[in-house]
Amino acid sequence: MPEGISKIVFTIFLVYSAFQDGRSKTISVWLLFAAGTSGILFIIISGQGIGDRPLSCLIGLLMVGISRISDGAIGEGDGWFFTVSGLFLNLLINLKLLVYGVFLSGFVCMGIYIFFRLKGNDVKKVTIPFLPFLLPAWIGLVML
């Protein structure tokens, strides 16, 4: 039962985060804090994932480190999102969510690149938010 509730809370967190990221390319610190607190409470209450959740959070912490080293090439908020998602999802599911999101955003970026190049415009300054691509990836993971 707690696992199902945990997935519902994570889905709400993902939808709200994707909406914020898509609209303003930022994620509220309060949202991350509230979701992180909920994730920790679910771990404590259910007793599940005590061993593998910190490892799952490591994905996001590595993304935060890469963001800081690369001067923001990867959004730091995306890294913090995956750190919090590691509290809800096991390592394999969290990694799948990241990889599927990267593939989906890669296809869209390829289309944007081709579109701008055909128009003769510069593509260097174009940025897209990443978290909205996690919604279809999460739907695919939950349905499969």
C-alpha atoms as a PDB file:
ATOM      1  CA  MET A   1       0.000   0.000   0.000  1.00  0.00           C
ATOM      2  CA  PRO A   2       2.675   2.619   0.855  1.00  0.00           C
ATOM      3  CA  GLU A   3       4.407   1.883  -2.474  1.00  0.00           C
ATOM      4  CA  GLY A   4       1.251   2.816  -4.408  1.00  0.00           C
ATOM      5  CA  ILE A   5       0.795   6.002  -2.398  1.00  0.00           C
ATOM      6  CA  SER A   6       4.457   6.813  -2.932  1.00  0.00           C
ATOM      7  CA  LYS A   7       4.025   6.542  -6.718  1.00  0.00           C
ATOM      8  CA  ILE A   8       0.956   8.769  -6.625  1.00  0.00           C
ATOM      9  CA  VAL A   9       2.805  11.432  -4.615  1.00  0.00           C
ATOM     10  CA  PHE A  10       5.782  11.156  -6.992  1.00  0.00           C
ATOM     11  CA  THR A  11       3.481  11.551 -10.008  1.00  0.00           C
ATOM     12  CA  ILE A  12       2.001  14.727  -8.517  1.00  0.00           C
ATOM     13  CA  PHE A  13       5.525  15.989  -7.807  1.00  0.00           C
ATOM     14  CA  LEU A  14       6.613  15.194 -11.380  1.00  0.00           C
ATOM     15  CA  VAL A  15       3.587  16.879 -12.984  1.00  0.00           C
ATOM     16  CA  TYR A  16       3.970  20.032 -10.908  1.00  0.00           C
ATOM     17  CA  SER A  17       7.751  20.145 -11.445  1.00  0.00           C
ATOM     18  CA  ALA A  18       7.382  19.632 -15.196  1.00  0.00           C
ATOM     19  CA  PHE A  19       4.789  22.408 -15.332  1.00  0.00           C
ATOM     20  CA  GLN A  20       7.066  24.795 -13.427  1.00  0.00           C
ATOM     21  CA  ASP A  21      10.106  23.867 -15.519  1.00  0.00           C
ATOM     22  CA  GLY A  22       8.178  24.218 -18.763  1.00  0.00           C
ATOM     23  CA  ARG A  23       6.774  27.599 -17.783  1.00  0.00           C
ATOM     24  CA  SER A  24       9.737  29.287 -16.130  1.00  0.00           C
ATOM     25  CA  LYS A  25      12.694  26.882 -16.535  1.00  0.00           C
ATOM     26  CA  THR A  26      13.056  26.744 -12.762  1.00  0.00           C
ATOM     27  CA  ILE A  27      11.803  24.498  -9.961  1.00  0.00           C
ATOM     28  CA  SER A  28      10.665  25.885  -6.644  1.00  0.00           C
ATOM     29  CA  VAL A  29      12.935  25.076  -3.714  1.00  0.00           C
ATOM     30  CA  TRP A  30       9.824  24.659  -1.576  1.00  0.00           C
ATOM     31  CA  LEU A  31       8.469  22.037  -3.958  1.00  0.00           C
ATOM     32  CA  LEU A  32      11.743  20.120  -3.796  1.00  0.00           C
ATOM     33  CA  PHE A  33      11.782  20.414  -0.004  1.00  0.00           C
ATOM     34  CA  ALA A  34       8.159  19.270   0.381  1.00  0.00           C
ATOM     35  CA  ALA A  35       8.601  16.327  -1.984  1.00  0.00           C
ATOM     36  CA  GLY A  36      11.909  15.369  -0.380  1.00  0.00           C
ATOM     37  CA  THR A  37      10.349  15.416   3.065  1.00  0.00           C
ATOM     38  CA  SER A  38       7.470  13.265   1.800  1.00  0.00           C
ATOM     39  CA  GLY A  39       9.919  10.818   0.250  1.00  0.00           C
ATOM     40  CA  ILE A  40      11.877  10.503   3.477  1.00  0.00           C
ATOM     41  CA  LEU A  41       8.648   9.957   5.435  1.00  0.00           C
ATOM     42  CA  PHE A  42       7.571   7.198   3.028  1.00  0.00           C
ATOM     43  CA  ILE A  43      10.933   5.483   3.446  1.00  0.00           C
ATOM     44  CA  ILE A  44      10.696   5.684   7.242  1.00  0.00           C
ATOM     45  CA  ILE A  45       7.056   4.562   7.398  1.00  0.00           C
ATOM     46  CA  SER A  46       7.337   1.713   4.909  1.00  0.00           C
ATOM     47  CA  GLY A  47      10.870   0.632   5.789  1.00  0.00           C
ATOM     48  CA  GLN A  48      11.394  -0.177   2.117  1.00  0.00           C
ATOM     49  CA  GLY A  49      14.340   1.025   0.123  1.00  0.00           C
ATOM     50  CA  ILE A  50      16.472   2.091   3.061  1.00  0.00           C
ATOM     51  CA  GLY A  51      19.494   0.492   1.398  1.00  0.00           C
ATOM     52  CA  ASP A  52      18.944   1.396  -2.239  1.00  0.00           C
ATOM     53  CA  ARG A  53      17.336   4.867  -2.047  1.00  0.00           C
ATOM     54  CA  PRO A  54      20.548   6.726  -1.147  1.00  0.00           C
ATOM     55  CA  LEU A  55      22.192   5.100  -4.165  1.00  0.00           C
ATOM     56  CA  SER A  56      19.254   6.193  -6.311  1.00  0.00           C
ATOM     57  CA  CYS A  57      19.657   9.763  -5.023  1.00  0.00           C
ATOM     58  CA  LEU A  58      23.271   9.652  -6.170  1.00  0.00           C
ATOM     59  CA  ILE A  59      22.101  10.006  -9.800  1.00  0.00           C
ATOM     60  CA  GLY A  60      20.763  13.461  -9.050  1.00  0.00           C
ATOM     61  CA  LEU A  61      23.746  14.469  -6.952  1.00  0.00           C
ATOM     62  CA  LEU A  62      26.060  13.525  -9.835  1.00  0.00           C
ATOM     63  CA  MET A  63      23.933  15.689 -12.145  1.00  0.00           C
ATOM     64  CA  VAL A  64      24.228  18.612  -9.707  1.00  0.00           C
ATOM     65  CA  GLY A  65      28.016  18.148  -9.660  1.00  0.00           C
ATOM     66  CA  ILE A  66      28.194  18.040 -13.459  1.00  0.00           C
ATOM     67  CA  SER A  67      26.003  21.153 -13.637  1.00  0.00           C
ATOM     68  CA  ARG A  68      28.352  23.076 -11.371  1.00  0.00           C
ATOM     69  CA  ILE A  69      31.487  21.886 -13.160  1.00  0.00           C
ATOM     70  CA  SER A  70      30.067  22.577 -16.629  1.00  0.00           C
ATOM     71  CA  ASP A  71      28.765  26.043 -15.716  1.00  0.00           C
ATOM     72  CA  GLY A  72      25.118  25.029 -16.060  1.00  0.00           C
ATOM     73  CA  ALA A  73      25.210  22.881 -19.207  1.00  0.00           C
ATOM     74  CA  ILE A  74      22.838  20.581 -17.328  1.00  0.00           C
ATOM     75  CA  GLY A  75      20.259  22.383 -15.251  1.00  0.00           C
ATOM     76  CA  GLU A  76      21.022  22.186 -11.549  1.00  0.00           C
ATOM     77  CA  GLY A  77      17.292  21.975 -10.846  1.00  0.00           C
ATOM     78  CA  ASP A  78      17.121  18.825 -12.943  1.00  0.00           C
ATOM     79  CA  GLY A  79      19.808  17.300 -10.749  1.00  0.00           C
ATOM     80  CA  TRP A  80      17.938  18.229  -7.583  1.00  0.00           C
ATOM     81  CA  PHE A  81      14.754  16.780  -9.096  1.00  0.00           C
ATOM     82  CA  PHE A  82      16.492  13.437  -9.638  1.00  0.00           C
ATOM     83  CA  THR A  83      17.940  13.580  -6.141  1.00  0.00           C
ATOM     84  CA  VAL A  84      14.418  13.888  -4.728  1.00  0.00           C
ATOM     85  CA  SER A  85      13.025  11.307  -7.159  1.00  0.00           C
ATOM     86  CA  GLY A  86      15.612   8.888  -5.796  1.00  0.00           C
ATOM     87  CA  LEU A  87      13.707   8.990  -2.511  1.00  0.00           C
ATOM     88  CA  PHE A  88      10.598   7.690  -4.283  1.00  0.00           C
ATOM     89  CA  LEU A  89      12.048   5.383  -6.946  1.00  0.00           C
ATOM     90  CA  ASN A  90      14.576   2.595  -6.793  1.00  0.00           C
ATOM     91  CA  LEU A  91      17.868   2.953  -8.644  1.00  0.00           C
ATOM     92  CA  LEU A  92      16.816   1.107 -11.802  1.00  0.00           C
ATOM     93  CA  ILE A  93      13.538   2.999 -12.267  1.00  0.00           C
ATOM     94  CA  ASN A  94      15.193   6.354 -11.565  1.00  0.00           C
ATOM     95  CA  LEU A  95      17.925   5.570 -14.088  1.00  0.00           C
ATOM     96  CA  LYS A  96      15.360   4.445 -16.675  1.00  0.00           C
ATOM     97  CA  LEU A  97      13.421   7.667 -16.159  1.00  0.00           C
ATOM     98  CA  LEU A  98      16.578   9.685 -16.793  1.00  0.00           C
ATOM     99  CA  VAL A  99      17.613   7.717 -19.887  1.00  0.00           C
ATOM    100  CA  TYR A 100      14.131   7.743 -21.448  1.00  0.00           C
ATOM    101  CA  GLY A 101      13.832  11.479 -20.780  1.00  0.00           C
ATOM    102  CA  VAL A 102      17.210  12.106 -22.418  1.00  0.00           C
ATOM    103  CA  PHE A 103      16.183  10.126 -25.511  1.00  0.00           C
ATOM    104  CA  LEU A 104      12.852  11.949 -25.832  1.00  0.00           C
ATOM    105  CA  SER A 105      14.437  15.364 -25.405  1.00  0.00           C
ATOM    106  CA  GLY A 106      17.184  14.381 -27.843  1.00  0.00           C
ATOM    107  CA  PHE A 107      14.653  13.678 -30.587  1.00  0.00           C
ATOM    108  CA  VAL A 108      12.916  16.987 -29.984  1.00  0.00           C
ATOM    109  CA  CYS A 109      16.229  18.855 -29.913  1.00  0.00           C
ATOM    110  CA  MET A 110      17.203  17.208 -33.185  1.00  0.00           C
ATOM    111  CA  GLY A 111      13.958  18.455 -34.720  1.00  0.00           C
ATOM    112  CA  ILE A 112      14.516  21.962 -33.358  1.00  0.00           C
ATOM    113  CA  TYR A 113      18.080  21.950 -34.657  1.00  0.00           C
ATOM    114  CA  ILE A 114      17.013  20.881 -38.137  1.00  0.00           C
ATOM    115  CA  PHE A 115      14.168  23.425 -38.171  1.00  0.00           C
ATOM    116  CA  PHE A 116      16.439  26.322 -37.168  1.00  0.00           C
ATOM    117  CA  ARG A 117      19.213  25.291 -39.565  1.00  0.00           C
ATOM    118  CA  LEU A 118      16.780  25.095 -42.490  1.00  0.00           C
ATOM    119  CA  LYS A 119      15.580  28.608 -41.654  1.00  0.00           C
ATOM    120  CA  GLY A 120      19.208  29.767 -41.435  1.00  0.00           C
ATOM    121  CA  ASN A 121      18.946  30.821 -37.786  1.00  0.00           C
ATOM    122  CA  ASP A 122      21.498  30.340 -35.031  1.00  0.00           C
ATOM    123  CA  VAL A 123      20.702  27.508 -32.627  1.00  0.00           C
ATOM    124  CA  LYS A 124      23.346  28.149 -29.990  1.00  0.00           C
ATOM    125  CA  LYS A 125      21.111  30.184 -27.709  1.00  0.00           C
ATOM    126  CA  VAL A 126      18.071  27.889 -27.842  1.00  0.00           C
ATOM    127  CA  THR A 127      17.355  26.058 -24.594  1.00  0.00           C
ATOM    128  CA  ILE A 128      14.545  23.699 -23.704  1.00  0.00           C
ATOM    129  CA  PRO A 129      13.324  22.572 -20.293  1.00  0.00           C
ATOM    130  CA  PHE A 130      14.058  18.926 -19.512  1.00  0.00           C
ATOM    131  CA  LEU A 131      11.455  17.888 -16.949  1.00  0.00           C
ATOM    132  CA  PRO A 132       8.427  17.995 -19.313  1.00  0.00           C
ATOM    133  CA  PHE A 133      10.046  15.119 -21.232  1.00  0.00           C
ATOM    134  CA  LEU A 134       9.913  13.003 -18.102  1.00  0.00           C
ATOM    135  CA  LEU A 135       6.099  12.960 -18.135  1.00  0.00           C
ATOM    136  CA  PRO A 136       5.744  10.661 -21.169  1.00  0.00           C
ATOM    137  CA  ALA A 137       8.731   8.644 -19.956  1.00  0.00           C
ATOM    138  CA  TRP A 138       7.068   8.143 -16.549  1.00  0.00           C
ATOM    139  CA  ILE A 139       3.746   7.237 -18.169  1.00  0.00           C
ATOM    140  CA  GLY A 140       5.571   4.641 -20.266  1.00  0.00           C
ATOM    141  CA  LEU A 141       7.364   3.249 -17.222  1.00  0.00           C
ATOM    142  CA  VAL A 142       4.167   2.988 -15.189  1.00  0.00           C
ATOM    143  CA  MET A 143       2.177   1.379 -18.002  1.00  0.00           C
ATOM    144  CA  LEU A 144       4.826  -1.143 -18.986  1.00  0.00           C
END
